[in-house]
Amino acid sequence: MKAVNRVIKETALEFANQAISKGCAVITDGLTAYPQLKSQGYTHERVLSSSPEAEEKIHWVHALISNAKAFMVGTFHGLDKSHLQVLFR
């Protein structure tokens, strides 16, 4: 995981190039920052959160994010944005 100020095409591609091997399958939601991944050598599957398959394919991503938020609030009683990336290393 990586903390970013905004999820835009540039930050999505930068993260993908650093953390994901070319040719790997990437499953994302409908955010417009992700479609470029296919042209960059990744297999990209878009799953809209309103679709029936979303529960099956991205449920655990939502659970991971929810658990991370609960951990931060419970452990640190809130967390300044400047410290987020330290937790995701």
PDB file of N, CA and C in Angstrom:
ATOM      1  N   MET A   1       0.837  -1.180   0.000  1.00  0.00           N
ATOM      2  CA  MET A   1       0.000   0.000   0.000  1.00  0.00           C
ATOM      3  C   MET A   1       0.877   1.236   0.000  1.00  0.00           C
ATOM      4  N   LYS A   2       0.312   2.288  -0.523  1.00  0.00           N
ATOM      5  CA  LYS A   2       1.029   3.554  -0.533  1.00  0.00           C
ATOM      6  C   LYS A   2       0.028   4.676  -0.310  1.00  0.00           C
ATOM      7  N   ALA A   3       0.364   5.588   0.573  1.00  0.00           N
ATOM      8  CA  ALA A   3      -0.490   6.751   0.818  1.00  0.00           C
ATOM      9  C   ALA A   3      -0.183   7.808  -0.236  1.00  0.00           C
ATOM     10  N   VAL A   4      -1.221   8.329  -0.879  1.00  0.00           N
ATOM     11  CA  VAL A   4      -1.071   9.401  -1.867  1.00  0.00           C
ATOM     12  C   VAL A   4      -2.082  10.492  -1.556  1.00  0.00           C
ATOM     13  N   ASN A   5      -1.763  11.709  -1.972  1.00  0.00           N
ATOM     14  CA  ASN A   5      -2.693  12.815  -1.744  1.00  0.00           C
ATOM     15  C   ASN A   5      -3.947  12.681  -2.594  1.00  0.00           C
ATOM     16  N   ARG A   6      -3.774  12.277  -3.852  1.00  0.00           N
ATOM     17  CA  ARG A   6      -4.903  12.113  -4.769  1.00  0.00           C
ATOM     18  C   ARG A   6      -4.644  10.904  -5.650  1.00  0.00           C
ATOM     19  N   VAL A   7      -5.677  10.124  -5.907  1.00  0.00           N
ATOM     20  CA  VAL A   7      -5.540   9.004  -6.832  1.00  0.00           C
ATOM     21  C   VAL A   7      -5.870   9.540  -8.222  1.00  0.00           C
ATOM     22  N   ILE A   8      -4.819   9.819  -8.974  1.00  0.00           N
ATOM     23  CA  ILE A   8      -4.954  10.293 -10.348  1.00  0.00           C
ATOM     24  C   ILE A   8      -4.115   9.387 -11.237  1.00  0.00           C
ATOM     25  N   LYS A   9      -4.219   9.543 -12.539  1.00  0.00           N
ATOM     26  CA  LYS A   9      -3.505   8.667 -13.468  1.00  0.00           C
ATOM     27  C   LYS A   9      -2.016   8.571 -13.150  1.00  0.00           C
ATOM     28  N   GLU A  10      -1.395   9.702 -12.860  1.00  0.00           N
ATOM     29  CA  GLU A  10       0.045   9.710 -12.620  1.00  0.00           C
ATOM     30  C   GLU A  10       0.426   8.924 -11.363  1.00  0.00           C
ATOM     31  N   THR A  11      -0.300   9.126 -10.270  1.00  0.00           N
ATOM     32  CA  THR A  11       0.045   8.412  -9.033  1.00  0.00           C
ATOM     33  C   THR A  11      -0.284   6.925  -9.140  1.00  0.00           C
ATOM     34  N   ALA A  12      -1.364   6.587  -9.847  1.00  0.00           N
ATOM     35  CA  ALA A  12      -1.722   5.178 -10.031  1.00  0.00           C
ATOM     36  C   ALA A  12      -0.656   4.460 -10.848  1.00  0.00           C
ATOM     37  N   LEU A  13      -0.201   5.095 -11.919  1.00  0.00           N
ATOM     38  CA  LEU A  13       0.821   4.479 -12.765  1.00  0.00           C
ATOM     39  C   LEU A  13       2.163   4.395 -12.042  1.00  0.00           C
ATOM     40  N   GLU A  14       2.523   5.423 -11.310  1.00  0.00           N
ATOM     41  CA  GLU A  14       3.776   5.409 -10.548  1.00  0.00           C
ATOM     42  C   GLU A  14       3.782   4.253  -9.547  1.00  0.00           C
ATOM     43  N   PHE A  15       2.678   4.092  -8.812  1.00  0.00           N
ATOM     44  CA  PHE A  15       2.594   3.000  -7.844  1.00  0.00           C
ATOM     45  C   PHE A  15       2.658   1.646  -8.547  1.00  0.00           C
ATOM     46  N   ALA A  16       1.910   1.496  -9.636  1.00  0.00           N
ATOM     47  CA  ALA A  16       1.903   0.225 -10.363  1.00  0.00           C
ATOM     48  C   ALA A  16       3.306  -0.141 -10.833  1.00  0.00           C
ATOM     49  N   ASN A  17       4.020   0.819 -11.385  1.00  0.00           N
ATOM     50  CA  ASN A  17       5.376   0.547 -11.877  1.00  0.00           C
ATOM     51  C   ASN A  17       6.337   0.174 -10.750  1.00  0.00           C
ATOM     52  N   GLN A  18       6.114   0.689  -9.545  1.00  0.00           N
ATOM     53  CA  GLN A  18       6.980   0.384  -8.405  1.00  0.00           C
ATOM     54  C   GLN A  18       6.624  -0.937  -7.730  1.00  0.00           C
ATOM     55  N   ALA A  19       5.345  -1.295  -7.729  1.00  0.00           N
ATOM     56  CA  ALA A  19       4.908  -2.399  -6.874  1.00  0.00           C
ATOM     57  C   ALA A  19       4.334  -3.618  -7.594  1.00  0.00           C
ATOM     58  N   ILE A  20       4.041  -3.501  -8.892  1.00  0.00           N
ATOM     59  CA  ILE A  20       3.364  -4.589  -9.597  1.00  0.00           C
ATOM     60  C   ILE A  20       4.184  -4.975 -10.819  1.00  0.00           C
ATOM     61  N   SER A  21       4.427  -6.262 -10.992  1.00  0.00           N
ATOM     62  CA  SER A  21       5.174  -6.739 -12.158  1.00  0.00           C
ATOM     63  C   SER A  21       4.323  -6.621 -13.412  1.00  0.00           C
ATOM     64  N   LYS A  22       4.954  -6.245 -14.519  1.00  0.00           N
ATOM     65  CA  LYS A  22       4.253  -6.159 -15.806  1.00  0.00           C
ATOM     66  C   LYS A  22       3.646  -7.519 -16.120  1.00  0.00           C
ATOM     67  N   GLY A  23       2.451  -7.508 -16.677  1.00  0.00           N
ATOM     68  CA  GLY A  23       1.756  -8.736 -17.014  1.00  0.00           C
ATOM     69  C   GLY A  23       0.836  -9.241 -15.920  1.00  0.00           C
ATOM     70  N   CYS A  24       0.966  -8.706 -14.714  1.00  0.00           N
ATOM     71  CA  CYS A  24       0.096  -9.126 -13.615  1.00  0.00           C
ATOM     72  C   CYS A  24      -1.317  -8.596 -13.822  1.00  0.00           C
ATOM     73  N   ALA A  25      -2.266  -9.312 -13.273  1.00  0.00           N
ATOM     74  CA  ALA A  25      -3.662  -8.880 -13.337  1.00  0.00           C
ATOM     75  C   ALA A  25      -3.927  -7.878 -12.225  1.00  0.00           C
ATOM     76  N   VAL A  26      -4.553  -6.775 -12.582  1.00  0.00           N
ATOM     77  CA  VAL A  26      -4.911  -5.732 -11.633  1.00  0.00           C
ATOM     78  C   VAL A  26      -6.422  -5.556 -11.700  1.00  0.00           C
ATOM     79  N   ILE A  27      -7.100  -5.761 -10.581  1.00  0.00           N
ATOM     80  CA  ILE A  27      -8.552  -5.586 -10.518  1.00  0.00           C
ATOM     81  C   ILE A  27      -8.822  -4.310  -9.750  1.00  0.00           C
ATOM     82  N   THR A  28      -9.550  -3.381 -10.373  1.00  0.00           N
ATOM     83  CA  THR A  28      -9.823  -2.089  -9.755  1.00  0.00           C
ATOM     84  C   THR A  28     -11.306  -1.767  -9.811  1.00  0.00           C
ATOM     85  N   ASP A  29     -11.659  -0.697  -9.106  1.00  0.00           N
ATOM     86  CA  ASP A  29     -13.026  -0.200  -9.191  1.00  0.00           C
ATOM     87  C   ASP A  29     -13.144   0.682 -10.439  1.00  0.00           C
ATOM     88  N   GLY A  30     -14.197   1.458 -10.537  1.00  0.00           N
ATOM     89  CA  GLY A  30     -14.450   2.239 -11.738  1.00  0.00           C
ATOM     90  C   GLY A  30     -13.745   3.574 -11.815  1.00  0.00           C
ATOM     91  N   LEU A  31     -12.815   3.846 -10.915  1.00  0.00           N
ATOM     92  CA  LEU A  31     -12.125   5.133 -10.913  1.00  0.00           C
ATOM     93  C   LEU A  31     -11.383   5.358 -12.234  1.00  0.00           C
ATOM     94  N   THR A  32     -11.461   6.571 -12.766  1.00  0.00           N
ATOM     95  CA  THR A  32     -10.887   6.864 -14.083  1.00  0.00           C
ATOM     96  C   THR A  32      -9.361   6.899 -14.100  1.00  0.00           C
ATOM     97  N   ALA A  33      -8.712   6.766 -12.975  1.00  0.00           N
ATOM     98  CA  ALA A  33      -7.247   6.773 -12.934  1.00  0.00           C
ATOM     99  C   ALA A  33      -6.646   5.450 -13.402  1.00  0.00           C
ATOM    100  N   TYR A  34      -7.428   4.397 -13.487  1.00  0.00           N
ATOM    101  CA  TYR A  34      -6.876   3.072 -13.733  1.00  0.00           C
ATOM    102  C   TYR A  34      -6.878   2.541 -15.165  1.00  0.00           C
ATOM    103  N   PRO A  35      -7.759   2.942 -16.059  1.00  0.00           N
ATOM    104  CA  PRO A  35      -7.790   2.317 -17.389  1.00  0.00           C
ATOM    105  C   PRO A  35      -6.467   2.336 -18.150  1.00  0.00           C
ATOM    106  N   GLN A  36      -5.598   3.275 -17.879  1.00  0.00           N
ATOM    107  CA  GLN A  36      -4.300   3.358 -18.561  1.00  0.00           C
ATOM    108  C   GLN A  36      -3.393   2.171 -18.243  1.00  0.00           C
ATOM    109  N   LEU A  37      -3.683   1.431 -17.186  1.00  0.00           N
ATOM    110  CA  LEU A  37      -2.815   0.320 -16.793  1.00  0.00           C
ATOM    111  C   LEU A  37      -2.694  -0.727 -17.897  1.00  0.00           C
ATOM    112  N   LYS A  38      -3.778  -0.966 -18.619  1.00  0.00           N
ATOM    113  CA  LYS A  38      -3.766  -1.972 -19.681  1.00  0.00           C
ATOM    114  C   LYS A  38      -2.744  -1.607 -20.758  1.00  0.00           C
ATOM    115  N   SER A  39      -2.682  -0.341 -21.133  1.00  0.00           N
ATOM    116  CA  SER A  39      -1.742   0.086 -22.174  1.00  0.00           C
ATOM    117  C   SER A  39      -0.294   0.095 -21.681  1.00  0.00           C
ATOM    118  N   GLN A  40      -0.097  -0.070 -20.380  1.00  0.00           N
ATOM    119  CA  GLN A  40       1.245  -0.064 -19.797  1.00  0.00           C
ATOM    120  C   GLN A  40       1.769  -1.471 -19.503  1.00  0.00           C
ATOM    121  N   GLY A  41       1.043  -2.496 -19.969  1.00  0.00           N
ATOM    122  CA  GLY A  41       1.538  -3.859 -19.825  1.00  0.00           C
ATOM    123  C   GLY A  41       0.921  -4.675 -18.710  1.00  0.00           C
ATOM    124  N   TYR A  42      -0.118  -4.158 -18.080  1.00  0.00           N
ATOM    125  CA  TYR A  42      -0.813  -4.892 -17.026  1.00  0.00           C
ATOM    126  C   TYR A  42      -2.128  -5.429 -17.579  1.00  0.00           C
ATOM    127  N   THR A  43      -2.593  -6.540 -17.043  1.00  0.00           N
ATOM    128  CA  THR A  43      -3.925  -7.020 -17.371  1.00  0.00           C
ATOM    129  C   THR A  43      -4.864  -6.307 -16.416  1.00  0.00           C
ATOM    130  N   HIS A  44      -5.784  -5.521 -16.946  1.00  0.00           N
ATOM    131  CA  HIS A  44      -6.645  -4.702 -16.094  1.00  0.00           C
ATOM    132  C   HIS A  44      -8.094  -5.145 -16.211  1.00  0.00           C
ATOM    133  N   GLU A  45      -8.707  -5.417 -15.064  1.00  0.00           N
ATOM    134  CA  GLU A  45     -10.130  -5.742 -15.008  1.00  0.00           C
ATOM    135  C   GLU A  45     -10.820  -4.711 -14.129  1.00  0.00           C
ATOM    136  N   ARG A  46     -11.831  -4.093 -14.667  1.00  0.00           N
ATOM    137  CA  ARG A  46     -12.583  -3.061 -13.948  1.00  0.00           C
ATOM    138  C   ARG A  46     -13.857  -3.685 -13.380  1.00  0.00           C
ATOM    139  N   VAL A  47     -14.050  -3.550 -12.076  1.00  0.00           N
ATOM    140  CA  VAL A  47     -15.239  -4.077 -11.411  1.00  0.00           C
ATOM    141  C   VAL A  47     -15.946  -2.912 -10.725  1.00  0.00           C
ATOM    142  N   LEU A  48     -17.114  -2.567 -11.210  1.00  0.00           N
ATOM    143  CA  LEU A  48     -17.877  -1.479 -10.605  1.00  0.00           C
ATOM    144  C   LEU A  48     -18.450  -1.936  -9.272  1.00  0.00           C
ATOM    145  N   SER A  49     -18.399  -1.075  -8.279  1.00  0.00           N
ATOM    146  CA  SER A  49     -18.869  -1.450  -6.941  1.00  0.00           C
ATOM    147  C   SER A  49     -20.356  -1.768  -6.923  1.00  0.00           C
ATOM    148  N   SER A  50     -21.094  -1.304  -7.921  1.00  0.00           N
ATOM    149  CA  SER A  50     -22.532  -1.584  -7.979  1.00  0.00           C
ATOM    150  C   SER A  50     -22.843  -2.902  -8.689  1.00  0.00           C
ATOM    151  N   SER A  51     -21.831  -3.567  -9.231  1.00  0.00           N
ATOM    152  CA  SER A  51     -22.070  -4.809  -9.964  1.00  0.00           C
ATOM    153  C   SER A  51     -22.155  -5.998  -9.006  1.00  0.00           C
ATOM    154  N   PRO A  52     -22.848  -7.062  -9.431  1.00  0.00           N
ATOM    155  CA  PRO A  52     -22.965  -8.257  -8.578  1.00  0.00           C
ATOM    156  C   PRO A  52     -21.618  -8.915  -8.269  1.00  0.00           C
ATOM    157  N   GLU A  53     -20.664  -8.827  -9.184  1.00  0.00           N
ATOM    158  CA  GLU A  53     -19.366  -9.471  -8.959  1.00  0.00           C
ATOM    159  C   GLU A  53     -18.460  -8.689  -8.015  1.00  0.00           C
ATOM    160  N   ALA A  54     -18.815  -7.453  -7.697  1.00  0.00           N
ATOM    161  CA  ALA A  54     -17.969  -6.618  -6.836  1.00  0.00           C
ATOM    162  C   ALA A  54     -17.796  -7.230  -5.449  1.00  0.00           C
ATOM    163  N   GLU A  55     -18.845  -7.743  -4.884  1.00  0.00           N
ATOM    164  CA  GLU A  55     -18.766  -8.339  -3.544  1.00  0.00           C
ATOM    165  C   GLU A  55     -17.738  -9.466  -3.521  1.00  0.00           C
ATOM    166  N   GLU A  56     -17.727 -10.259  -4.562  1.00  0.00           N
ATOM    167  CA  GLU A  56     -16.798 -11.391  -4.632  1.00  0.00           C
ATOM    168  C   GLU A  56     -15.361 -10.938  -4.889  1.00  0.00           C
ATOM    169  N   LYS A  57     -15.167  -9.987  -5.787  1.00  0.00           N
ATOM    170  CA  LYS A  57     -13.822  -9.642  -6.236  1.00  0.00           C
ATOM    171  C   LYS A  57     -13.123  -8.583  -5.403  1.00  0.00           C
ATOM    172  N   ILE A  58     -13.858  -7.617  -4.841  1.00  0.00           N
ATOM    173  CA  ILE A  58     -13.172  -6.547  -4.112  1.00  0.00           C
ATOM    174  C   ILE A  58     -13.582  -6.445  -2.643  1.00  0.00           C
ATOM    175  N   HIS A  59     -14.325  -7.416  -2.158  1.00  0.00           N
ATOM    176  CA  HIS A  59     -14.750  -7.427  -0.758  1.00  0.00           C
ATOM    177  C   HIS A  59     -13.556  -7.332   0.191  1.00  0.00           C
ATOM    178  N   TRP A  60     -12.514  -8.129  -0.059  1.00  0.00           N
ATOM    179  CA  TRP A  60     -11.381  -8.170   0.863  1.00  0.00           C
ATOM    180  C   TRP A  60     -10.547  -6.896   0.822  1.00  0.00           C
ATOM    181  N   VAL A  61     -10.566  -6.195  -0.294  1.00  0.00           N
ATOM    182  CA  VAL A  61      -9.876  -4.901  -0.359  1.00  0.00           C
ATOM    183  C   VAL A  61     -10.562  -3.923   0.579  1.00  0.00           C
ATOM    184  N   HIS A  62     -11.891  -3.894   0.522  1.00  0.00           N
ATOM    185  CA  HIS A  62     -12.642  -3.012   1.411  1.00  0.00           C
ATOM    186  C   HIS A  62     -12.438  -3.406   2.873  1.00  0.00           C
ATOM    187  N   ALA A  63     -12.384  -4.701   3.153  1.00  0.00           N
ATOM    188  CA  ALA A  63     -12.153  -5.165   4.525  1.00  0.00           C
ATOM    189  C   ALA A  63     -10.765  -4.740   5.010  1.00  0.00           C
ATOM    190  N   LEU A  64      -9.754  -4.845   4.151  1.00  0.00           N
ATOM    191  CA  LEU A  64      -8.396  -4.436   4.508  1.00  0.00           C
ATOM    192  C   LEU A  64      -8.341  -2.950   4.848  1.00  0.00           C
ATOM    193  N   ILE A  65      -8.950  -2.126   4.021  1.00  0.00           N
ATOM    194  CA  ILE A  65      -8.946  -0.681   4.263  1.00  0.00           C
ATOM    195  C   ILE A  65      -9.696  -0.355   5.546  1.00  0.00           C
ATOM    196  N   SER A  66     -10.828  -0.989   5.755  1.00  0.00           N
ATOM    197  CA  SER A  66     -11.615  -0.763   6.965  1.00  0.00           C
ATOM    198  C   SER A  66     -10.831  -1.165   8.215  1.00  0.00           C
ATOM    199  N   ASN A  67     -10.164  -2.306   8.161  1.00  0.00           N
ATOM    200  CA  ASN A  67      -9.363  -2.760   9.303  1.00  0.00           C
ATOM    201  C   ASN A  67      -8.177  -1.836   9.565  1.00  0.00           C
ATOM    202  N   ALA A  68      -7.552  -1.334   8.509  1.00  0.00           N
ATOM    203  CA  ALA A  68      -6.430  -0.401   8.680  1.00  0.00           C
ATOM    204  C   ALA A  68      -6.900   0.882   9.352  1.00  0.00           C
ATOM    205  N   LYS A  69      -8.053   1.384   8.930  1.00  0.00           N
ATOM    206  CA  LYS A  69      -8.603   2.597   9.555  1.00  0.00           C
ATOM    207  C   LYS A  69      -8.909   2.354  11.033  1.00  0.00           C
ATOM    208  N   ALA A  70      -9.527   1.221  11.343  1.00  0.00           N
ATOM    209  CA  ALA A  70      -9.864   0.903  12.733  1.00  0.00           C
ATOM    210  C   ALA A  70      -8.600   0.773  13.584  1.00  0.00           C
ATOM    211  N   PHE A  71      -7.557   0.158  13.031  1.00  0.00           N
ATOM    212  CA  PHE A  71      -6.283   0.025  13.733  1.00  0.00           C
ATOM    213  C   PHE A  71      -5.698   1.394  14.062  1.00  0.00           C
ATOM    214  N   MET A  72      -5.699   2.284  13.080  1.00  0.00           N
ATOM    215  CA  MET A  72      -5.124   3.619  13.286  1.00  0.00           C
ATOM    216  C   MET A  72      -5.889   4.419  14.326  1.00  0.00           C
ATOM    217  N   VAL A  73      -7.207   4.360  14.260  1.00  0.00           N
ATOM    218  CA  VAL A  73      -8.023   5.101  15.226  1.00  0.00           C
ATOM    219  C   VAL A  73      -7.869   4.493  16.617  1.00  0.00           C
ATOM    220  N   GLY A  74      -7.901   3.172  16.705  1.00  0.00           N
ATOM    221  CA  GLY A  74      -7.801   2.510  17.998  1.00  0.00           C
ATOM    222  C   GLY A  74      -6.436   2.616  18.640  1.00  0.00           C
ATOM    223  N   THR A  75      -5.394   2.527  17.836  1.00  0.00           N
ATOM    224  CA  THR A  75      -4.033   2.558  18.362  1.00  0.00           C
ATOM    225  C   THR A  75      -3.525   3.972  18.593  1.00  0.00           C
ATOM    226  N   PHE A  76      -3.749   4.826  17.627  1.00  0.00           N
ATOM    227  CA  PHE A  76      -3.170   6.167  17.679  1.00  0.00           C
ATOM    228  C   PHE A  76      -4.192   7.255  17.994  1.00  0.00           C
ATOM    229  N   HIS A  77      -5.451   6.862  18.121  1.00  0.00           N
ATOM    230  CA  HIS A  77      -6.533   7.826  18.365  1.00  0.00           C
ATOM    231  C   HIS A  77      -6.521   8.922  17.308  1.00  0.00           C
ATOM    232  N   GLY A  78      -6.400   8.487  16.079  1.00  0.00           N
ATOM    233  CA  GLY A  78      -6.282   9.399  14.946  1.00  0.00           C
ATOM    234  C   GLY A  78      -4.828   9.436  14.520  1.00  0.00           C
ATOM    235  N   LEU A  79      -4.580   9.893  13.343  1.00  0.00           N
ATOM    236  CA  LEU A  79      -3.222   9.885  12.825  1.00  0.00           C
ATOM    237  C   LEU A  79      -3.066  11.024  11.840  1.00  0.00           C
ATOM    238  N   ASP A  80      -2.003  11.778  11.984  1.00  0.00           N
ATOM    239  CA  ASP A  80      -1.716  12.869  11.063  1.00  0.00           C
ATOM    240  C   ASP A  80      -1.323  12.289   9.703  1.00  0.00           C
ATOM    241  N   LYS A  81      -1.765  12.926   8.631  1.00  0.00           N
ATOM    242  CA  LYS A  81      -1.476  12.435   7.282  1.00  0.00           C
ATOM    243  C   LYS A  81       0.018  12.276   7.010  1.00  0.00           C
ATOM    244  N   SER A  82       0.832  13.081   7.650  1.00  0.00           N
ATOM    245  CA  SER A  82       2.276  13.012   7.403  1.00  0.00           C
ATOM    246  C   SER A  82       2.889  11.697   7.887  1.00  0.00           C
ATOM    247  N   HIS A  83       2.184  10.941   8.711  1.00  0.00           N
ATOM    248  CA  HIS A  83       2.701   9.678   9.246  1.00  0.00           C
ATOM    249  C   HIS A  83       2.116   8.443   8.561  1.00  0.00           C
ATOM    250  N   LEU A  84       1.185   8.612   7.638  1.00  0.00           N
ATOM    251  CA  LEU A  84       0.514   7.469   7.030  1.00  0.00           C
ATOM    252  C   LEU A  84       1.459   6.505   6.320  1.00  0.00           C
ATOM    253  N   GLN A  85       2.362   7.016   5.512  1.00  0.00           N
ATOM    254  CA  GLN A  85       3.204   6.136   4.713  1.00  0.00           C
ATOM    255  C   GLN A  85       4.072   5.228   5.572  1.00  0.00           C
ATOM    256  N   VAL A  86       4.461   5.669   6.741  1.00  0.00           N
ATOM    257  CA  VAL A  86       5.274   4.842   7.636  1.00  0.00           C
ATOM    258  C   VAL A  86       4.549   3.539   7.963  1.00  0.00           C
ATOM    259  N   LEU A  87       3.248   3.591   8.138  1.00  0.00           N
ATOM    260  CA  LEU A  87       2.474   2.392   8.467  1.00  0.00           C
ATOM    261  C   LEU A  87       2.331   1.437   7.295  1.00  0.00           C
ATOM    262  N   PHE A  88       2.437   1.936   6.073  1.00  0.00           N
ATOM    263  CA  PHE A  88       2.206   1.099   4.899  1.00  0.00           C
ATOM    264  C   PHE A  88       3.480   0.488   4.327  1.00  0.00           C
ATOM    265  N   ARG A  89       4.593   0.634   4.988  1.00  0.00           N
ATOM    266  CA  ARG A  89       5.845   0.047   4.491  1.00  0.00           C
ATOM    267  C   ARG A  89       5.912  -1.413   4.791  1.00  0.00           C
TER     268      ARG A  89
END
